[in-house]
Amino acid sequence: MAAFLKRKARKEHRRVKLGFEDRRTTALRLAGLELLAISDFEKISIAMLTKKAGCSVGAFYYRYPDKSAYLMQLIAVTFRRLENNFENRFINTEGEKPPPKISLSDFITDIVSQLSHKEIVGVIRAALKLGSTEPEALRYYEQSRARITAETVNLFGHESRKKIPEKRIREAMQILFATINDAVQMPNSAEMELGGKEMTAFLFGIVANQIGVKPESV
């Protein structure tokens, strides 16, 4: 029976990796996002997850061998969806006309808003905490950061009068992510509200200054 469940779990993991989810898998994923938004993963039990998802414990184990595997899959899918959302808004992925030009201000505002959403915050916090013992969890976040940074270089690497050095843009994005990570991990100690107007304006100013352009020009 145990071997059967493991085979089923592996099959389900492959389906999720390819982007497919059945109704209960979706319910379990959404339940995890809701719970991580208000609590650390150590305090979330499988019983809590299945109750929130409205399914049985057996349904959970049919899909995941344990809580650790579930969390890793949740982190992977969440960051993959974050990248997809980013691509849909800012990147031409279909070979058709390019997306409309966006200002640096609107671009930074959008990124900060996305990364400050309570459900994304919960997953980022989980990935950062798990990363010390489960490097794979942190890798998914690092991949998303790298993708967003690379596309920032593509979008803003050329200003009307001069070419902006790639190194400056990458350094600016590192500062942006570090500021958000700090607020995610220690919200009570953060000087600025995560995703608030003050933080967004601050990060926009930092990025503009770091890449050496006037805020009003981008």
N, C-alpha and C. Protein backbone atom coordinates (compact mmCIF):
# COMPACT_ATOMS: atom_id res chain seq x y z
N MET A 1 0.82 -1.20 0.00
CA MET A 1 0.00 0.00 0.00
C MET A 1 0.87 1.27 0.00
N ALA A 2 1.93 1.26 0.83
CA ALA A 2 2.82 2.42 0.91
C ALA A 2 3.49 2.67 -0.43
N ALA A 3 3.94 1.58 -1.09
CA ALA A 3 4.59 1.71 -2.39
C ALA A 3 3.62 2.27 -3.43
N PHE A 4 2.36 1.83 -3.34
CA PHE A 4 1.33 2.32 -4.26
C PHE A 4 1.12 3.83 -4.10
N LEU A 5 1.03 4.26 -2.84
CA LEU A 5 0.83 5.69 -2.58
C LEU A 5 2.01 6.51 -3.05
N LYS A 6 3.22 5.97 -2.89
CA LYS A 6 4.40 6.70 -3.34
C LYS A 6 4.41 6.85 -4.86
N ARG A 7 4.00 5.77 -5.56
CA ARG A 7 3.93 5.86 -7.03
C ARG A 7 2.91 6.90 -7.45
N LYS A 8 1.77 6.91 -6.76
CA LYS A 8 0.73 7.89 -7.07
C LYS A 8 1.23 9.30 -6.80
N ALA A 9 1.97 9.46 -5.70
CA ALA A 9 2.50 10.78 -5.35
C ALA A 9 3.47 11.27 -6.41
N ARG A 10 4.36 10.36 -6.87
CA ARG A 10 5.32 10.75 -7.90
C ARG A 10 4.61 11.16 -9.19
N LYS A 11 3.56 10.42 -9.53
CA LYS A 11 2.79 10.74 -10.73
C LYS A 11 2.14 12.11 -10.60
N GLU A 12 1.59 12.38 -9.42
CA GLU A 12 0.94 13.68 -9.19
C GLU A 12 1.97 14.79 -9.22
N HIS A 13 3.17 14.57 -8.69
CA HIS A 13 4.22 15.58 -8.70
C HIS A 13 4.60 15.93 -10.13
N ARG A 14 4.66 14.91 -11.00
CA ARG A 14 4.98 15.17 -12.40
C ARG A 14 3.90 16.01 -13.06
N ARG A 15 2.63 15.72 -12.73
CA ARG A 15 1.51 16.49 -13.30
C ARG A 15 1.61 17.94 -12.86
N VAL A 16 1.87 18.19 -11.59
CA VAL A 16 1.97 19.55 -11.09
C VAL A 16 3.14 20.27 -11.73
N LYS A 17 4.26 19.55 -11.89
CA LYS A 17 5.45 20.14 -12.51
C LYS A 17 5.13 20.61 -13.91
N LEU A 18 4.27 19.90 -14.60
CA LEU A 18 3.89 20.27 -15.95
C LEU A 18 2.78 21.31 -15.98
N GLY A 19 2.29 21.70 -14.82
CA GLY A 19 1.29 22.76 -14.75
C GLY A 19 -0.15 22.28 -14.60
N PHE A 20 -0.33 20.98 -14.35
CA PHE A 20 -1.67 20.44 -14.21
C PHE A 20 -2.02 20.27 -12.73
N GLU A 21 -3.25 20.61 -12.38
CA GLU A 21 -3.73 20.42 -11.01
C GLU A 21 -5.16 19.92 -11.04
N ASP A 22 -5.46 18.94 -10.20
CA ASP A 22 -6.86 18.57 -10.06
C ASP A 22 -7.49 19.44 -8.97
N ARG A 23 -8.76 19.26 -8.73
CA ARG A 23 -9.48 20.14 -7.82
C ARG A 23 -8.91 20.10 -6.41
N ARG A 24 -8.60 18.92 -5.90
CA ARG A 24 -8.10 18.82 -4.53
C ARG A 24 -6.67 19.34 -4.42
N THR A 25 -5.86 19.14 -5.45
CA THR A 25 -4.50 19.68 -5.44
C THR A 25 -4.54 21.20 -5.38
N THR A 26 -5.45 21.78 -6.16
CA THR A 26 -5.62 23.24 -6.14
C THR A 26 -6.07 23.70 -4.77
N ALA A 27 -7.02 22.98 -4.18
CA ALA A 27 -7.54 23.34 -2.86
C ALA A 27 -6.44 23.27 -1.80
N LEU A 28 -5.58 22.26 -1.89
CA LEU A 28 -4.48 22.13 -0.93
C LEU A 28 -3.46 23.25 -1.13
N ARG A 29 -3.20 23.60 -2.38
CA ARG A 29 -2.25 24.70 -2.64
C ARG A 29 -2.78 26.01 -2.08
N LEU A 30 -4.05 26.30 -2.35
CA LEU A 30 -4.64 27.55 -1.86
C LEU A 30 -4.71 27.58 -0.34
N ALA A 31 -4.97 26.41 0.26
CA ALA A 31 -5.00 26.33 1.72
C ALA A 31 -3.63 26.65 2.30
N GLY A 32 -2.59 26.12 1.68
CA GLY A 32 -1.24 26.40 2.14
C GLY A 32 -0.89 27.87 2.04
N LEU A 33 -1.30 28.51 0.95
CA LEU A 33 -1.04 29.93 0.78
C LEU A 33 -1.73 30.75 1.87
N GLU A 34 -2.98 30.40 2.16
CA GLU A 34 -3.73 31.12 3.19
C GLU A 34 -3.10 30.94 4.57
N LEU A 35 -2.69 29.72 4.87
CA LEU A 35 -2.13 29.46 6.20
C LEU A 35 -0.73 30.06 6.36
N LEU A 36 0.08 30.00 5.31
CA LEU A 36 1.42 30.58 5.38
C LEU A 36 1.37 32.10 5.48
N ALA A 37 0.28 32.68 5.01
CA ALA A 37 0.13 34.13 5.08
C ALA A 37 -0.02 34.62 6.52
N ILE A 38 -0.44 33.71 7.42
CA ILE A 38 -0.69 34.13 8.80
C ILE A 38 0.12 33.34 9.82
N SER A 39 0.86 32.32 9.36
CA SER A 39 1.60 31.49 10.31
C SER A 39 2.85 30.90 9.67
N ASP A 40 3.86 30.60 10.49
CA ASP A 40 5.06 29.94 9.98
C ASP A 40 4.75 28.48 9.66
N PHE A 41 5.50 27.91 8.73
CA PHE A 41 5.20 26.57 8.27
C PHE A 41 5.35 25.53 9.38
N GLU A 42 6.22 25.80 10.37
CA GLU A 42 6.39 24.83 11.46
C GLU A 42 5.11 24.63 12.26
N LYS A 43 4.27 25.66 12.28
CA LYS A 43 3.04 25.61 13.07
C LYS A 43 1.85 25.08 12.29
N ILE A 44 2.06 24.78 11.02
CA ILE A 44 0.97 24.30 10.17
C ILE A 44 1.05 22.78 10.07
N SER A 45 -0.01 22.12 10.49
CA SER A 45 -0.04 20.65 10.44
C SER A 45 -0.78 20.19 9.19
N ILE A 46 -0.60 18.93 8.86
CA ILE A 46 -1.32 18.36 7.72
C ILE A 46 -2.82 18.38 8.00
N ALA A 47 -3.19 18.17 9.25
CA ALA A 47 -4.62 18.23 9.60
C ALA A 47 -5.19 19.62 9.34
N MET A 48 -4.42 20.66 9.66
CA MET A 48 -4.87 22.03 9.40
C MET A 48 -5.02 22.29 7.91
N LEU A 49 -4.05 21.78 7.13
CA LEU A 49 -4.09 21.96 5.69
C LEU A 49 -5.31 21.29 5.07
N THR A 50 -5.55 20.05 5.46
CA THR A 50 -6.67 19.32 4.86
C THR A 50 -8.01 19.88 5.30
N LYS A 51 -8.09 20.34 6.54
CA LYS A 51 -9.33 20.96 7.00
C LYS A 51 -9.63 22.23 6.21
N LYS A 52 -8.59 23.06 6.02
CA LYS A 52 -8.76 24.30 5.26
C LYS A 52 -9.11 24.00 3.80
N ALA A 53 -8.52 22.92 3.26
CA ALA A 53 -8.76 22.57 1.86
C ALA A 53 -10.07 21.82 1.66
N GLY A 54 -10.66 21.34 2.76
CA GLY A 54 -11.92 20.60 2.64
C GLY A 54 -11.74 19.22 2.05
N CYS A 55 -10.61 18.58 2.36
CA CYS A 55 -10.38 17.23 1.86
C CYS A 55 -9.83 16.36 2.98
N SER A 56 -9.66 15.10 2.72
CA SER A 56 -9.21 14.16 3.75
C SER A 56 -7.69 14.12 3.83
N VAL A 57 -7.18 13.60 4.95
CA VAL A 57 -5.75 13.39 5.10
C VAL A 57 -5.26 12.41 4.05
N GLY A 58 -6.10 11.43 3.74
CA GLY A 58 -5.74 10.45 2.71
C GLY A 58 -5.53 11.12 1.36
N ALA A 59 -6.35 12.14 1.05
CA ALA A 59 -6.19 12.87 -0.21
C ALA A 59 -4.85 13.59 -0.25
N PHE A 60 -4.42 14.06 0.92
CA PHE A 60 -3.11 14.72 0.99
C PHE A 60 -2.00 13.71 0.67
N TYR A 61 -2.02 12.55 1.36
CA TYR A 61 -0.96 11.57 1.18
C TYR A 61 -1.02 10.89 -0.18
N TYR A 62 -2.14 10.96 -0.84
CA TYR A 62 -2.24 10.46 -2.21
C TYR A 62 -1.37 11.30 -3.14
N ARG A 63 -1.22 12.58 -2.78
CA ARG A 63 -0.49 13.53 -3.63
C ARG A 63 0.93 13.83 -3.15
N TYR A 64 1.14 13.77 -1.85
CA TYR A 64 2.45 14.14 -1.29
C TYR A 64 2.89 13.11 -0.26
N PRO A 65 4.16 12.70 -0.29
CA PRO A 65 4.63 11.71 0.68
C PRO A 65 4.71 12.26 2.10
N ASP A 66 4.91 13.59 2.23
CA ASP A 66 5.00 14.19 3.56
C ASP A 66 4.84 15.71 3.45
N LYS A 67 4.85 16.39 4.59
CA LYS A 67 4.66 17.84 4.60
C LYS A 67 5.81 18.56 3.92
N SER A 68 7.02 18.06 4.07
CA SER A 68 8.18 18.68 3.45
C SER A 68 8.04 18.70 1.92
N ALA A 69 7.62 17.57 1.35
CA ALA A 69 7.44 17.49 -0.10
C ALA A 69 6.34 18.46 -0.55
N TYR A 70 5.29 18.55 0.26
CA TYR A 70 4.19 19.47 -0.05
C TYR A 70 4.69 20.92 -0.08
N LEU A 71 5.46 21.31 0.94
CA LEU A 71 5.96 22.67 1.02
C LEU A 71 6.87 23.00 -0.16
N MET A 72 7.73 22.06 -0.52
CA MET A 72 8.63 22.28 -1.64
C MET A 72 7.85 22.48 -2.93
N GLN A 73 6.79 21.68 -3.10
CA GLN A 73 5.98 21.82 -4.30
C GLN A 73 5.21 23.14 -4.30
N LEU A 74 4.71 23.53 -3.14
CA LEU A 74 3.99 24.79 -3.01
C LEU A 74 4.90 25.97 -3.34
N ILE A 75 6.12 25.94 -2.82
CA ILE A 75 7.09 27.01 -3.09
C ILE A 75 7.42 27.06 -4.59
N ALA A 76 7.67 25.88 -5.18
CA ALA A 76 8.03 25.83 -6.60
C ALA A 76 6.91 26.38 -7.47
N VAL A 77 5.69 25.93 -7.23
CA VAL A 77 4.55 26.36 -8.05
C VAL A 77 4.27 27.85 -7.86
N THR A 78 4.38 28.34 -6.64
CA THR A 78 4.10 29.75 -6.37
C THR A 78 5.07 30.66 -7.12
N PHE A 79 6.36 30.36 -7.06
CA PHE A 79 7.33 31.20 -7.75
C PHE A 79 7.24 31.04 -9.26
N ARG A 80 6.86 29.85 -9.72
CA ARG A 80 6.67 29.67 -11.15
C ARG A 80 5.50 30.52 -11.64
N ARG A 81 4.43 30.57 -10.86
CA ARG A 81 3.29 31.40 -11.23
C ARG A 81 3.65 32.89 -11.16
N LEU A 82 4.48 33.25 -10.20
CA LEU A 82 4.93 34.64 -10.09
C LEU A 82 5.69 35.04 -11.36
N GLU A 83 6.58 34.16 -11.81
CA GLU A 83 7.32 34.43 -13.04
C GLU A 83 6.38 34.53 -14.24
N ASN A 84 5.39 33.65 -14.30
CA ASN A 84 4.44 33.68 -15.42
C ASN A 84 3.66 34.99 -15.44
N ASN A 85 3.23 35.44 -14.26
CA ASN A 85 2.51 36.71 -14.19
C ASN A 85 3.39 37.86 -14.65
N PHE A 86 4.65 37.82 -14.26
CA PHE A 86 5.61 38.83 -14.67
C PHE A 86 5.77 38.84 -16.19
N GLU A 87 5.92 37.66 -16.76
CA GLU A 87 6.08 37.54 -18.21
C GLU A 87 4.86 38.07 -18.95
N ASN A 88 3.67 37.75 -18.45
CA ASN A 88 2.45 38.17 -19.12
C ASN A 88 2.31 39.69 -19.17
N ARG A 89 2.85 40.36 -18.15
CA ARG A 89 2.71 41.82 -18.10
C ARG A 89 3.81 42.58 -18.83
N PHE A 90 5.02 42.05 -18.77
CA PHE A 90 6.15 42.85 -19.24
C PHE A 90 6.96 42.27 -20.38
N ILE A 91 6.74 41.01 -20.72
CA ILE A 91 7.61 40.35 -21.69
C ILE A 91 6.80 39.85 -22.88
N ASN A 92 7.33 40.02 -24.06
CA ASN A 92 6.70 39.51 -25.26
C ASN A 92 7.09 38.05 -25.43
N THR A 93 6.20 37.12 -25.07
CA THR A 93 6.53 35.69 -25.13
C THR A 93 5.89 34.99 -26.32
N GLU A 94 5.04 35.68 -27.07
CA GLU A 94 4.31 35.03 -28.16
C GLU A 94 4.83 35.45 -29.53
N GLY A 95 5.86 36.29 -29.57
CA GLY A 95 6.40 36.71 -30.86
C GLY A 95 5.54 37.73 -31.57
N GLU A 96 4.55 38.28 -30.89
CA GLU A 96 3.70 39.29 -31.48
C GLU A 96 4.24 40.67 -31.13
N LYS A 97 3.40 41.70 -31.20
CA LYS A 97 3.90 43.04 -30.90
C LYS A 97 4.35 43.11 -29.44
N PRO A 98 5.38 43.88 -29.15
CA PRO A 98 5.91 43.97 -27.79
C PRO A 98 4.91 44.62 -26.85
N PRO A 99 5.00 44.33 -25.54
CA PRO A 99 4.10 44.96 -24.58
C PRO A 99 4.36 46.47 -24.54
N PRO A 100 3.37 47.26 -24.13
CA PRO A 100 3.56 48.71 -24.09
C PRO A 100 4.69 49.10 -23.17
N LYS A 101 5.41 50.17 -23.51
CA LYS A 101 6.53 50.63 -22.70
C LYS A 101 6.02 51.05 -21.33
N ILE A 102 6.75 50.64 -20.30
CA ILE A 102 6.34 50.95 -18.94
C ILE A 102 7.41 51.82 -18.28
N SER A 103 7.00 52.73 -17.45
CA SER A 103 7.96 53.58 -16.75
C SER A 103 8.62 52.79 -15.63
N LEU A 104 9.79 53.23 -15.22
CA LEU A 104 10.48 52.57 -14.12
C LEU A 104 9.65 52.65 -12.84
N SER A 105 9.00 53.78 -12.64
CA SER A 105 8.15 53.95 -11.44
C SER A 105 7.05 52.90 -11.40
N ASP A 106 6.32 52.74 -12.51
CA ASP A 106 5.23 51.76 -12.55
C ASP A 106 5.78 50.34 -12.43
N PHE A 107 6.93 50.10 -13.02
CA PHE A 107 7.55 48.78 -12.98
C PHE A 107 7.92 48.39 -11.55
N ILE A 108 8.58 49.29 -10.84
CA ILE A 108 8.98 49.02 -9.45
C ILE A 108 7.74 48.88 -8.56
N THR A 109 6.75 49.74 -8.79
CA THR A 109 5.51 49.66 -8.01
C THR A 109 4.85 48.30 -8.19
N ASP A 110 4.85 47.79 -9.41
CA ASP A 110 4.22 46.50 -9.69
C ASP A 110 4.97 45.37 -8.99
N ILE A 111 6.30 45.38 -9.08
CA ILE A 111 7.09 44.32 -8.45
C ILE A 111 6.91 44.34 -6.94
N VAL A 112 7.01 45.53 -6.33
CA VAL A 112 6.87 45.64 -4.88
C VAL A 112 5.48 45.18 -4.45
N SER A 113 4.46 45.56 -5.22
CA SER A 113 3.09 45.16 -4.89
C SER A 113 2.93 43.65 -4.93
N GLN A 114 3.47 43.01 -5.97
CA GLN A 114 3.38 41.55 -6.08
C GLN A 114 4.08 40.85 -4.93
N LEU A 115 5.31 41.27 -4.66
CA LEU A 115 6.11 40.60 -3.63
C LEU A 115 5.62 40.90 -2.23
N SER A 116 4.74 41.89 -2.10
CA SER A 116 4.22 42.25 -0.78
C SER A 116 2.84 41.66 -0.52
N HIS A 117 2.29 40.96 -1.51
CA HIS A 117 1.00 40.31 -1.30
C HIS A 117 1.14 39.29 -0.18
N LYS A 118 0.20 39.27 0.73
CA LYS A 118 0.34 38.46 1.95
C LYS A 118 0.61 36.98 1.67
N GLU A 119 0.03 36.44 0.60
CA GLU A 119 0.24 35.03 0.31
C GLU A 119 1.64 34.79 -0.26
N ILE A 120 2.13 35.72 -1.08
CA ILE A 120 3.50 35.61 -1.60
C ILE A 120 4.50 35.80 -0.46
N VAL A 121 4.19 36.73 0.43
CA VAL A 121 5.06 36.98 1.59
C VAL A 121 5.23 35.70 2.41
N GLY A 122 4.14 34.98 2.63
CA GLY A 122 4.21 33.74 3.39
C GLY A 122 5.12 32.71 2.74
N VAL A 123 5.06 32.63 1.42
CA VAL A 123 5.90 31.67 0.70
C VAL A 123 7.36 32.12 0.71
N ILE A 124 7.60 33.42 0.53
CA ILE A 124 8.98 33.92 0.59
C ILE A 124 9.58 33.64 1.97
N ARG A 125 8.80 33.90 3.02
CA ARG A 125 9.28 33.65 4.39
C ARG A 125 9.61 32.17 4.57
N ALA A 126 8.74 31.30 4.07
CA ALA A 126 8.98 29.86 4.19
C ALA A 126 10.24 29.45 3.42
N ALA A 127 10.41 29.99 2.21
CA ALA A 127 11.58 29.64 1.40
C ALA A 127 12.87 30.10 2.08
N LEU A 128 12.85 31.31 2.66
CA LEU A 128 14.04 31.83 3.32
C LEU A 128 14.39 31.01 4.57
N LYS A 129 13.38 30.60 5.33
CA LYS A 129 13.63 29.82 6.54
C LYS A 129 14.04 28.39 6.19
N LEU A 130 13.38 27.79 5.22
CA LEU A 130 13.70 26.43 4.83
C LEU A 130 15.07 26.34 4.15
N GLY A 131 15.48 27.46 3.55
CA GLY A 131 16.72 27.45 2.78
C GLY A 131 17.94 27.03 3.55
N SER A 132 17.94 27.22 4.87
CA SER A 132 19.10 26.85 5.67
C SER A 132 19.29 25.34 5.76
N THR A 133 18.19 24.60 5.67
CA THR A 133 18.28 23.13 5.73
C THR A 133 17.87 22.46 4.43
N GLU A 134 17.07 23.16 3.61
CA GLU A 134 16.60 22.63 2.34
C GLU A 134 16.95 23.64 1.23
N PRO A 135 18.18 23.61 0.74
CA PRO A 135 18.62 24.59 -0.27
C PRO A 135 17.71 24.68 -1.49
N GLU A 136 17.05 23.58 -1.81
CA GLU A 136 16.17 23.57 -2.97
C GLU A 136 15.05 24.59 -2.83
N ALA A 137 14.56 24.78 -1.61
CA ALA A 137 13.47 25.74 -1.38
C ALA A 137 13.91 27.15 -1.74
N LEU A 138 15.12 27.50 -1.38
CA LEU A 138 15.65 28.82 -1.67
C LEU A 138 15.98 28.98 -3.15
N ARG A 139 16.32 27.88 -3.79
CA ARG A 139 16.69 27.94 -5.20
C ARG A 139 15.52 28.44 -6.06
N TYR A 140 14.30 28.03 -5.72
CA TYR A 140 13.14 28.48 -6.50
C TYR A 140 12.98 30.00 -6.42
N TYR A 141 13.20 30.56 -5.24
CA TYR A 141 13.12 32.00 -5.08
C TYR A 141 14.27 32.69 -5.82
N GLU A 142 15.45 32.11 -5.74
CA GLU A 142 16.61 32.68 -6.42
C GLU A 142 16.39 32.69 -7.93
N GLN A 143 15.77 31.66 -8.46
CA GLN A 143 15.50 31.61 -9.89
C GLN A 143 14.54 32.71 -10.30
N SER A 144 13.50 32.95 -9.51
CA SER A 144 12.55 34.01 -9.82
C SER A 144 13.23 35.37 -9.76
N ARG A 145 14.05 35.57 -8.73
CA ARG A 145 14.78 36.83 -8.61
C ARG A 145 15.68 37.05 -9.82
N ALA A 146 16.38 36.00 -10.22
CA ALA A 146 17.30 36.11 -11.35
C ALA A 146 16.54 36.43 -12.63
N ARG A 147 15.39 35.82 -12.80
CA ARG A 147 14.59 36.06 -14.02
C ARG A 147 14.09 37.50 -14.04
N ILE A 148 13.55 37.96 -12.93
CA ILE A 148 13.03 39.33 -12.86
C ILE A 148 14.17 40.34 -13.06
N THR A 149 15.32 40.07 -12.47
CA THR A 149 16.47 40.97 -12.62
C THR A 149 16.94 41.01 -14.07
N ALA A 150 17.01 39.85 -14.70
CA ALA A 150 17.46 39.79 -16.10
C ALA A 150 16.52 40.58 -17.00
N GLU A 151 15.23 40.47 -16.76
CA GLU A 151 14.27 41.19 -17.59
C GLU A 151 14.28 42.68 -17.28
N THR A 152 14.63 43.04 -16.04
CA THR A 152 14.79 44.45 -15.72
C THR A 152 15.93 45.04 -16.54
N VAL A 153 17.00 44.28 -16.66
CA VAL A 153 18.13 44.71 -17.49
C VAL A 153 17.67 44.90 -18.93
N ASN A 154 16.88 43.96 -19.44
CA ASN A 154 16.40 44.06 -20.83
C ASN A 154 15.48 45.26 -21.04
N LEU A 155 14.65 45.53 -20.04
CA LEU A 155 13.67 46.61 -20.19
C LEU A 155 14.27 47.99 -20.04
N PHE A 156 15.25 48.11 -19.12
CA PHE A 156 15.77 49.44 -18.79
C PHE A 156 17.27 49.59 -19.02
N GLY A 157 17.86 48.68 -19.74
CA GLY A 157 19.29 48.75 -20.00
C GLY A 157 19.71 49.88 -20.92
N HIS A 158 18.72 50.45 -21.63
CA HIS A 158 19.03 51.55 -22.53
C HIS A 158 18.13 52.74 -22.21
N GLU A 159 18.75 53.81 -21.80
CA GLU A 159 18.03 55.05 -21.56
C GLU A 159 18.18 55.92 -22.80
N SER A 160 17.35 56.93 -22.95
CA SER A 160 17.31 57.68 -24.20
C SER A 160 18.66 58.30 -24.58
N ARG A 161 19.47 58.67 -23.61
CA ARG A 161 20.73 59.36 -23.92
C ARG A 161 21.96 58.50 -23.65
N LYS A 162 21.84 57.43 -22.91
CA LYS A 162 23.02 56.63 -22.61
C LYS A 162 22.63 55.21 -22.26
N LYS A 163 23.59 54.33 -22.39
CA LYS A 163 23.37 52.93 -22.02
C LYS A 163 23.62 52.78 -20.53
N ILE A 164 22.67 52.21 -19.82
CA ILE A 164 22.82 52.01 -18.38
C ILE A 164 23.58 50.70 -18.15
N PRO A 165 24.69 50.74 -17.42
CA PRO A 165 25.46 49.52 -17.18
C PRO A 165 24.62 48.43 -16.52
N GLU A 166 24.74 47.23 -17.03
CA GLU A 166 23.98 46.10 -16.48
C GLU A 166 24.29 45.90 -15.01
N LYS A 167 25.56 46.08 -14.63
CA LYS A 167 25.98 45.88 -13.24
C LYS A 167 25.18 46.78 -12.30
N ARG A 168 24.93 48.01 -12.70
CA ARG A 168 24.18 48.94 -11.85
C ARG A 168 22.74 48.47 -11.65
N ILE A 169 22.14 47.98 -12.72
CA ILE A 169 20.76 47.51 -12.61
C ILE A 169 20.69 46.29 -11.70
N ARG A 170 21.63 45.38 -11.84
CA ARG A 170 21.63 44.18 -11.00
C ARG A 170 21.85 44.55 -9.53
N GLU A 171 22.72 45.49 -9.27
CA GLU A 171 22.95 45.93 -7.90
C GLU A 171 21.70 46.59 -7.32
N ALA A 172 21.01 47.37 -8.15
CA ALA A 172 19.78 48.03 -7.70
C ALA A 172 18.71 47.01 -7.34
N MET A 173 18.58 45.97 -8.15
CA MET A 173 17.57 44.94 -7.88
C MET A 173 17.95 44.13 -6.65
N GLN A 174 19.25 43.95 -6.42
CA GLN A 174 19.68 43.24 -5.21
C GLN A 174 19.26 44.03 -3.97
N ILE A 175 19.40 45.35 -4.02
CA ILE A 175 18.98 46.20 -2.90
C ILE A 175 17.47 46.09 -2.72
N LEU A 176 16.73 46.09 -3.82
CA LEU A 176 15.27 45.99 -3.74
C LEU A 176 14.85 44.69 -3.06
N PHE A 177 15.40 43.58 -3.50
CA PHE A 177 15.03 42.29 -2.92
C PHE A 177 15.48 42.18 -1.47
N ALA A 178 16.66 42.72 -1.15
CA ALA A 178 17.15 42.67 0.23
C ALA A 178 16.23 43.44 1.17
N THR A 179 15.75 44.59 0.71
CA THR A 179 14.83 45.40 1.53
C THR A 179 13.53 44.66 1.78
N ILE A 180 13.01 44.03 0.74
CA ILE A 180 11.76 43.27 0.87
C ILE A 180 11.98 42.06 1.78
N ASN A 181 13.09 41.35 1.60
CA ASN A 181 13.37 40.18 2.43
C ASN A 181 13.46 40.55 3.91
N ASP A 182 14.08 41.67 4.19
CA ASP A 182 14.22 42.12 5.57
C ASP A 182 12.84 42.36 6.19
N ALA A 183 11.96 43.02 5.45
CA ALA A 183 10.61 43.32 5.95
C ALA A 183 9.78 42.04 6.07
N VAL A 184 10.03 41.07 5.17
CA VAL A 184 9.30 39.80 5.23
C VAL A 184 9.67 39.01 6.48
N GLN A 185 10.97 38.99 6.80
CA GLN A 185 11.43 38.17 7.92
C GLN A 185 11.24 38.84 9.28
N MET A 186 11.29 40.17 9.31
CA MET A 186 11.14 40.89 10.58
C MET A 186 10.17 42.05 10.43
N PRO A 187 8.90 41.74 10.16
CA PRO A 187 7.92 42.80 9.91
C PRO A 187 7.75 43.77 11.07
N ASN A 188 7.90 43.30 12.30
CA ASN A 188 7.72 44.17 13.46
C ASN A 188 8.89 45.14 13.66
N SER A 189 10.03 44.80 13.05
CA SER A 189 11.21 45.65 13.19
C SER A 189 11.44 46.54 11.98
N ALA A 190 10.70 46.28 10.91
CA ALA A 190 10.90 47.04 9.67
C ALA A 190 10.52 48.50 9.87
N GLU A 191 11.33 49.39 9.34
CA GLU A 191 11.07 50.82 9.46
C GLU A 191 9.91 51.25 8.57
N MET A 192 9.72 50.54 7.46
CA MET A 192 8.66 50.88 6.51
C MET A 192 7.71 49.70 6.34
N GLU A 193 6.45 50.00 6.17
CA GLU A 193 5.44 48.96 5.96
C GLU A 193 5.72 48.25 4.64
N LEU A 194 5.71 46.93 4.67
CA LEU A 194 5.96 46.14 3.47
C LEU A 194 4.91 46.45 2.41
N GLY A 195 5.34 46.92 1.25
CA GLY A 195 4.43 47.23 0.16
C GLY A 195 3.72 48.55 0.27
N GLY A 196 4.00 49.31 1.36
CA GLY A 196 3.35 50.60 1.54
C GLY A 196 3.90 51.66 0.59
N LYS A 197 3.25 52.81 0.55
CA LYS A 197 3.68 53.88 -0.36
C LYS A 197 5.09 54.35 -0.04
N GLU A 198 5.41 54.42 1.25
CA GLU A 198 6.74 54.89 1.64
C GLU A 198 7.82 53.95 1.14
N MET A 199 7.61 52.63 1.32
CA MET A 199 8.59 51.66 0.85
C MET A 199 8.71 51.69 -0.66
N THR A 200 7.58 51.76 -1.36
CA THR A 200 7.59 51.78 -2.82
C THR A 200 8.34 52.99 -3.34
N ALA A 201 8.06 54.17 -2.77
CA ALA A 201 8.74 55.39 -3.20
C ALA A 201 10.23 55.31 -2.90
N PHE A 202 10.56 54.76 -1.73
CA PHE A 202 11.97 54.62 -1.34
C PHE A 202 12.72 53.72 -2.32
N LEU A 203 12.12 52.57 -2.63
CA LEU A 203 12.78 51.63 -3.51
C LEU A 203 12.90 52.17 -4.94
N PHE A 204 11.88 52.89 -5.39
CA PHE A 204 11.97 53.51 -6.70
C PHE A 204 13.13 54.51 -6.74
N GLY A 205 13.24 55.32 -5.70
CA GLY A 205 14.32 56.29 -5.63
C GLY A 205 15.68 55.63 -5.59
N ILE A 206 15.79 54.54 -4.81
CA ILE A 206 17.05 53.81 -4.70
C ILE A 206 17.45 53.23 -6.06
N VAL A 207 16.50 52.60 -6.74
CA VAL A 207 16.79 51.98 -8.03
C VAL A 207 17.20 53.04 -9.05
N ALA A 208 16.43 54.14 -9.12
CA ALA A 208 16.74 55.20 -10.07
C ALA A 208 18.12 55.79 -9.80
N ASN A 209 18.42 56.03 -8.53
CA ASN A 209 19.72 56.60 -8.17
C ASN A 209 20.86 55.62 -8.46
N GLN A 210 20.63 54.35 -8.17
CA GLN A 210 21.67 53.35 -8.35
C GLN A 210 22.05 53.18 -9.82
N ILE A 211 21.06 53.26 -10.70
CA ILE A 211 21.37 53.07 -12.12
C ILE A 211 21.76 54.39 -12.79
N GLY A 212 21.74 55.47 -11.99
CA GLY A 212 22.28 56.73 -12.49
C GLY A 212 21.38 57.49 -13.43
N VAL A 213 20.07 57.46 -13.17
CA VAL A 213 19.15 58.22 -14.02
C VAL A 213 18.26 59.10 -13.13
N LYS A 214 17.71 60.14 -13.73
CA LYS A 214 16.78 60.99 -13.00
C LYS A 214 15.44 60.28 -12.94
N PRO A 215 14.79 60.22 -11.77
CA PRO A 215 13.50 59.53 -11.64
C PRO A 215 12.48 59.95 -12.68
N GLU A 216 12.43 61.25 -13.01
CA GLU A 216 11.40 61.72 -13.93
C GLU A 216 11.67 61.28 -15.37
N SER A 217 12.91 60.82 -15.63
CA SER A 217 13.25 60.43 -17.02
C SER A 217 12.91 59.00 -17.33
N VAL A 218 12.54 58.22 -16.29
CA VAL A 218 12.23 56.80 -16.50
C VAL A 218 10.92 56.43 -15.85
